[in-house]
Amino acid sequence: MSRYRAVFCDIDFTLTSPITRTIPESAKTAISKARENGILVFVATGRNLTAFDVKFLKELTFDGYVTVNGQLCYLPDGQILRKGTFEVEDVQAVMELEKKHGFHCSFNEQFVTYLSGINAGVEAFFSFVNGSPPPVRLSSEIKPNEILSIVPFVREEMDLVLSQALPGCQILRWNPLSCDIAPRSGGKHVGIQVMLDYFGLQMRDCIAIGDGGNDVTMLRSAGIGVAVGGALEAAKAAADYIAPPVDEDAIEHIFRKFELIA
């Protein structure tokens, strides 16, 4: 019997393959078996799952969802445990930075995601993730008091500019074409703590699995932090254990190693 009672798993390039963009069958089976063994299994993602129909996640049952980098946490029945929005001033500052530096962003509200515009950087990102761009809204239609997350479509050289201009925010990166902006009060580790509190568990009782810069805080905070093969160096440095790549049955390997399944 494992001493760990819960698992929090990132989606992109952790649960899903970076090659096929799908969940390997071995991962599906491992998650189902773990839940049969009484292990709680959660999603912990930067995605806004309430704004998109993520069909491949419907193939599995989870015990809860830590989404938008910990800004929106909820149970399968829709009960919200945490909803954290930006300070209006920070949203307005990002919109000014867009004008100054010529990039576009996606803005995430609870039930909708929209773009401030489309350019080559935006198109490159959605080609990279094999997805379709959400609709564009005029700046006058953006609701600064409802924003959970902002994703500028910029390369890494802009991260320092953003962090200096937005001292109340975190700049998190999991791919070369965009970064995630989150309030400093947020982060996946914050969302995980909310979920653990609800279920009467502690950080030492859980495993966190990820691959990106936005996974670092949860990898450091969990009882065991696991980075999958191919993870960013920042994620590997924060992890206690490095697993094989996703396409080499990483999730099944992790679940067996830490005795979540036989």
Protein backbone atom coordinates (compact mmCIF):
# COMPACT_ATOMS: atom_id res chain seq x y z
CA MET A 1 0.00 0.00 0.00
CA SER A 2 1.39 3.40 -1.00
CA ARG A 3 1.86 6.10 1.64
CA TYR A 4 0.63 8.62 -0.96
CA ARG A 5 -3.10 9.27 -1.13
CA ALA A 6 -3.37 11.72 -4.04
CA VAL A 7 -1.77 12.51 -7.39
CA PHE A 8 -1.84 15.83 -9.24
CA CYS A 9 -0.97 15.57 -12.93
CA ASP A 10 -0.28 18.27 -15.50
CA ILE A 11 -1.94 17.75 -18.88
CA ASP A 12 0.17 18.99 -21.80
CA PHE A 13 3.31 16.93 -22.43
CA THR A 14 2.83 15.16 -19.07
CA LEU A 15 -0.48 13.35 -19.31
CA THR A 16 -0.57 13.81 -23.09
CA SER A 17 2.14 12.79 -25.52
CA PRO A 18 4.20 15.60 -27.08
CA ILE A 19 4.14 13.56 -30.28
CA THR A 20 0.51 12.45 -30.65
CA ARG A 21 -1.12 15.07 -28.31
CA THR A 22 -3.21 12.20 -26.91
CA ILE A 23 -3.19 10.31 -23.59
CA PRO A 24 -1.35 6.98 -23.89
CA GLU A 25 -3.48 3.94 -23.17
CA SER A 26 -1.08 2.90 -20.41
CA ALA A 27 -1.76 6.19 -18.62
CA LYS A 28 -5.53 5.76 -18.88
CA THR A 29 -5.31 2.28 -17.41
CA ALA A 30 -2.96 3.40 -14.60
CA ILE A 31 -5.26 6.26 -13.57
CA SER A 32 -8.33 4.00 -13.52
CA LYS A 33 -6.52 1.35 -11.45
CA ALA A 34 -5.19 3.94 -8.99
CA ARG A 35 -8.68 5.30 -8.38
CA GLU A 36 -9.96 1.75 -7.87
CA ASN A 37 -7.24 1.45 -5.20
CA GLY A 38 -8.60 4.51 -3.39
CA ILE A 39 -6.04 7.00 -4.70
CA LEU A 40 -7.41 10.45 -5.52
CA VAL A 41 -6.30 11.59 -8.99
CA PHE A 42 -6.50 15.26 -9.97
CA VAL A 43 -5.72 17.35 -13.02
CA ALA A 44 -3.35 20.28 -12.35
CA THR A 45 -3.11 22.39 -15.50
CA GLY A 46 -2.61 25.86 -16.87
CA ARG A 47 -5.53 25.23 -19.24
CA ASN A 48 -8.96 26.74 -18.76
CA LEU A 49 -11.05 23.58 -18.95
CA THR A 50 -14.38 25.31 -18.33
CA ALA A 51 -13.93 27.40 -21.49
CA PHE A 52 -13.01 24.54 -23.84
CA ASP A 53 -14.44 21.13 -24.62
CA VAL A 54 -11.34 18.98 -24.01
CA LYS A 55 -12.63 15.73 -25.44
CA PHE A 56 -9.70 13.49 -24.49
CA LEU A 57 -10.18 14.25 -20.78
CA LYS A 58 -13.73 12.89 -20.96
CA GLU A 59 -12.26 9.43 -21.40
CA LEU A 60 -11.17 9.52 -17.75
CA THR A 61 -12.70 10.28 -14.37
CA PHE A 62 -10.85 12.61 -12.01
CA ASP A 63 -11.52 13.56 -8.40
CA GLY A 64 -11.04 17.28 -8.99
CA TYR A 65 -9.54 19.93 -11.21
CA VAL A 66 -6.83 22.48 -10.43
CA THR A 67 -6.95 24.68 -13.53
CA VAL A 68 -5.65 27.99 -14.90
CA ASN A 69 -2.48 27.56 -12.80
CA GLY A 70 -4.42 27.23 -9.56
CA GLN A 71 -6.77 30.14 -10.20
CA LEU A 72 -9.87 27.98 -10.69
CA CYS A 73 -10.27 24.80 -8.64
CA TYR A 74 -13.42 22.72 -8.65
CA LEU A 75 -14.93 19.29 -8.10
CA PRO A 76 -16.50 17.03 -10.76
CA ASP A 77 -19.98 18.24 -9.76
CA GLY A 78 -18.95 21.82 -10.53
CA GLN A 79 -18.52 22.99 -6.92
CA ILE A 80 -15.87 25.73 -6.96
CA LEU A 81 -13.26 25.59 -4.21
CA ARG A 82 -11.16 28.53 -5.42
CA LYS A 83 -11.61 31.30 -7.96
CA GLY A 84 -8.85 33.89 -8.02
CA THR A 85 -8.89 36.85 -10.41
CA PHE A 86 -6.32 39.49 -11.32
CA GLU A 87 -6.13 42.95 -9.91
CA VAL A 88 -7.73 45.21 -12.52
CA GLU A 89 -4.58 47.34 -12.65
CA ASP A 90 -2.47 44.36 -13.72
CA VAL A 91 -4.83 43.48 -16.57
CA GLN A 92 -4.73 47.08 -17.77
CA ALA A 93 -0.91 47.07 -17.54
CA VAL A 94 -0.74 43.97 -19.76
CA MET A 95 -2.98 45.64 -22.32
CA GLU A 96 -0.63 48.62 -22.39
CA LEU A 97 2.36 46.32 -22.84
CA GLU A 98 0.61 44.70 -25.80
CA LYS A 99 0.35 48.07 -27.53
CA LYS A 100 3.91 49.03 -26.71
CA HIS A 101 5.58 45.77 -27.79
CA GLY A 102 3.21 44.60 -30.54
CA PHE A 103 2.15 41.21 -29.22
CA HIS A 104 -1.26 39.65 -28.53
CA CYS A 105 -2.63 37.66 -25.60
CA SER A 106 -5.39 35.28 -24.71
CA PHE A 107 -7.51 36.30 -21.73
CA ASN A 108 -9.19 33.61 -19.63
CA GLU A 109 -12.45 34.19 -17.81
CA GLN A 110 -14.20 31.28 -16.09
CA PHE A 111 -16.34 30.22 -19.04
CA VAL A 112 -14.67 31.90 -22.00
CA THR A 113 -11.23 32.45 -23.50
CA TYR A 114 -10.63 35.08 -26.15
CA LEU A 115 -7.77 36.74 -28.01
CA SER A 116 -6.85 40.39 -28.21
CA GLY A 117 -5.77 39.81 -31.81
CA ILE A 118 -4.14 37.36 -34.21
CA ASN A 119 -0.64 37.57 -35.68
CA ALA A 120 2.13 35.16 -36.67
CA GLY A 121 3.03 34.51 -33.02
CA VAL A 122 -0.53 33.51 -32.17
CA GLU A 123 -0.81 31.28 -35.24
CA ALA A 124 2.52 29.60 -34.44
CA PHE A 125 1.36 28.76 -30.91
CA PHE A 126 -1.93 27.17 -31.96
CA SER A 127 -0.14 25.19 -34.65
CA PHE A 128 2.32 24.01 -31.97
CA VAL A 129 -0.48 22.74 -29.70
CA ASN A 130 -2.56 21.48 -32.63
CA GLY A 131 -5.50 23.67 -31.62
CA SER A 132 -7.82 26.31 -33.01
CA PRO A 133 -7.53 29.95 -31.92
CA PRO A 134 -10.42 31.26 -29.79
CA PRO A 135 -12.39 34.33 -30.96
CA VAL A 136 -10.99 37.85 -30.91
CA ARG A 137 -12.47 40.57 -28.70
CA LEU A 138 -11.91 44.30 -28.90
CA SER A 139 -10.02 45.82 -25.98
CA SER A 140 -13.23 47.58 -24.96
CA GLU A 141 -14.91 44.15 -24.56
CA ILE A 142 -12.30 42.72 -22.17
CA LYS A 143 -13.53 42.45 -18.57
CA PRO A 144 -10.51 43.23 -16.34
CA ASN A 145 -12.29 42.23 -13.13
CA GLU A 146 -13.10 38.71 -14.47
CA ILE A 147 -9.67 37.62 -15.71
CA LEU A 148 -8.19 34.43 -14.23
CA SER A 149 -5.16 34.10 -16.49
CA ILE A 150 -3.40 35.92 -19.32
CA VAL A 151 -1.26 34.21 -21.95
CA PRO A 152 0.99 36.51 -24.02
CA PHE A 153 2.24 34.93 -27.23
CA VAL A 154 5.84 35.99 -26.82
CA ARG A 155 9.22 34.31 -26.78
CA GLU A 156 11.45 34.00 -23.72
CA GLU A 157 13.29 37.29 -24.24
CA MET A 158 10.08 39.11 -23.26
CA ASP A 159 9.81 37.39 -19.87
CA LEU A 160 12.08 39.88 -18.10
CA VAL A 161 10.20 42.84 -19.61
CA LEU A 162 6.91 41.40 -18.36
CA SER A 163 8.20 40.57 -14.89
CA GLN A 164 9.65 44.05 -14.41
CA ALA A 165 6.44 45.73 -15.58
CA LEU A 166 4.18 43.43 -13.51
CA PRO A 167 5.68 43.07 -10.01
CA GLY A 168 2.40 41.69 -8.66
CA CYS A 169 2.43 38.78 -11.12
CA GLN A 170 4.29 35.57 -11.90
CA ILE A 171 5.63 34.86 -15.38
CA LEU A 172 5.40 31.09 -16.00
CA ARG A 173 6.58 29.29 -19.13
CA TRP A 174 6.04 25.75 -20.43
CA ASN A 175 6.70 26.28 -24.16
CA PRO A 176 8.85 28.55 -26.35
CA LEU A 177 5.96 30.44 -27.97
CA SER A 178 4.00 31.76 -24.99
CA CYS A 179 4.10 32.30 -21.25
CA ASP A 180 1.39 32.33 -18.59
CA ILE A 181 0.85 35.36 -16.38
CA ALA A 182 -0.70 34.62 -12.99
CA PRO A 183 -1.15 36.69 -9.84
CA ARG A 184 1.60 36.13 -7.27
CA SER A 185 -1.11 34.92 -4.92
CA GLY A 186 -1.75 31.97 -7.25
CA GLY A 187 0.13 29.00 -8.67
CA LYS A 188 -0.57 25.30 -8.98
CA HIS A 189 0.72 24.72 -5.44
CA VAL A 190 -1.96 27.07 -4.10
CA GLY A 191 -4.68 25.20 -5.95
CA ILE A 192 -3.34 21.86 -4.77
CA GLN A 193 -3.40 23.02 -1.14
CA VAL A 194 -7.04 24.08 -1.55
CA MET A 195 -7.92 20.65 -2.93
CA LEU A 196 -5.98 18.81 -0.22
CA ASP A 197 -7.66 20.87 2.50
CA TYR A 198 -11.06 19.90 1.13
CA PHE A 199 -10.19 16.18 1.26
CA GLY A 200 -8.43 16.40 4.63
CA LEU A 201 -4.97 15.63 3.27
CA GLN A 202 -1.56 17.31 3.53
CA MET A 203 1.15 18.11 0.99
CA ARG A 204 3.24 15.19 2.19
CA ASP A 205 0.39 12.87 1.17
CA CYS A 206 0.53 13.75 -2.54
CA ILE A 207 2.59 13.28 -5.68
CA ALA A 208 2.79 16.02 -8.32
CA ILE A 209 3.78 15.23 -11.91
CA GLY A 210 4.72 17.87 -14.49
CA ASP A 211 7.11 19.10 -17.15
CA GLY A 212 6.99 22.90 -17.40
CA GLY A 213 7.92 26.10 -15.64
CA ASN A 214 4.37 26.49 -14.37
CA ASP A 215 4.78 23.12 -12.60
CA VAL A 216 7.80 24.14 -10.52
CA THR A 217 5.92 25.30 -7.42
CA MET A 218 3.82 22.14 -7.20
CA LEU A 219 6.85 19.89 -7.79
CA ARG A 220 8.65 21.61 -4.92
CA SER A 221 5.65 21.58 -2.59
CA ALA A 222 4.34 18.02 -3.02
CA GLY A 223 5.48 15.07 -0.94
CA ILE A 224 7.14 13.81 -4.12
CA GLY A 225 7.62 15.95 -7.22
CA VAL A 226 8.11 14.01 -10.47
CA ALA A 227 9.27 15.48 -13.78
CA VAL A 228 8.66 13.41 -16.89
CA GLY A 229 11.42 12.80 -19.39
CA GLY A 230 11.76 15.77 -21.74
CA ALA A 231 10.69 18.26 -19.07
CA LEU A 232 12.17 21.74 -18.93
CA GLU A 233 15.35 22.03 -16.86
CA ALA A 234 13.53 24.18 -14.27
CA ALA A 235 11.00 21.38 -13.72
CA LYS A 236 13.71 18.74 -13.47
CA ALA A 237 15.62 20.83 -10.93
CA ALA A 238 12.48 21.18 -8.79
CA ALA A 239 11.63 17.46 -8.92
CA ASP A 240 12.61 14.66 -6.56
CA TYR A 241 12.47 12.06 -9.32
CA ILE A 242 12.85 12.06 -13.12
CA ALA A 243 10.58 9.62 -14.91
CA PRO A 244 10.83 8.27 -18.47
CA PRO A 245 9.29 10.27 -21.33
CA VAL A 246 5.50 10.28 -21.71
CA ASP A 247 5.64 7.99 -24.75
CA GLU A 248 7.62 5.43 -22.74
CA ASP A 249 4.67 4.90 -20.38
CA ALA A 250 5.72 7.57 -17.88
CA ILE A 251 2.46 7.70 -15.92
CA GLU A 252 2.26 3.93 -15.53
CA HIS A 253 5.94 3.86 -14.48
CA ILE A 254 5.39 6.56 -11.83
CA PHE A 255 2.25 4.93 -10.46
CA ARG A 256 4.03 1.58 -10.13
CA LYS A 257 7.21 3.03 -8.64
CA PHE A 258 5.31 4.79 -5.86
CA GLU A 259 3.00 1.80 -5.36
CA LEU A 260 -0.22 3.47 -6.42
CA ILE A 261 -0.89 0.41 -8.55
CA ALA A 262 0.56 -3.09 -8.51
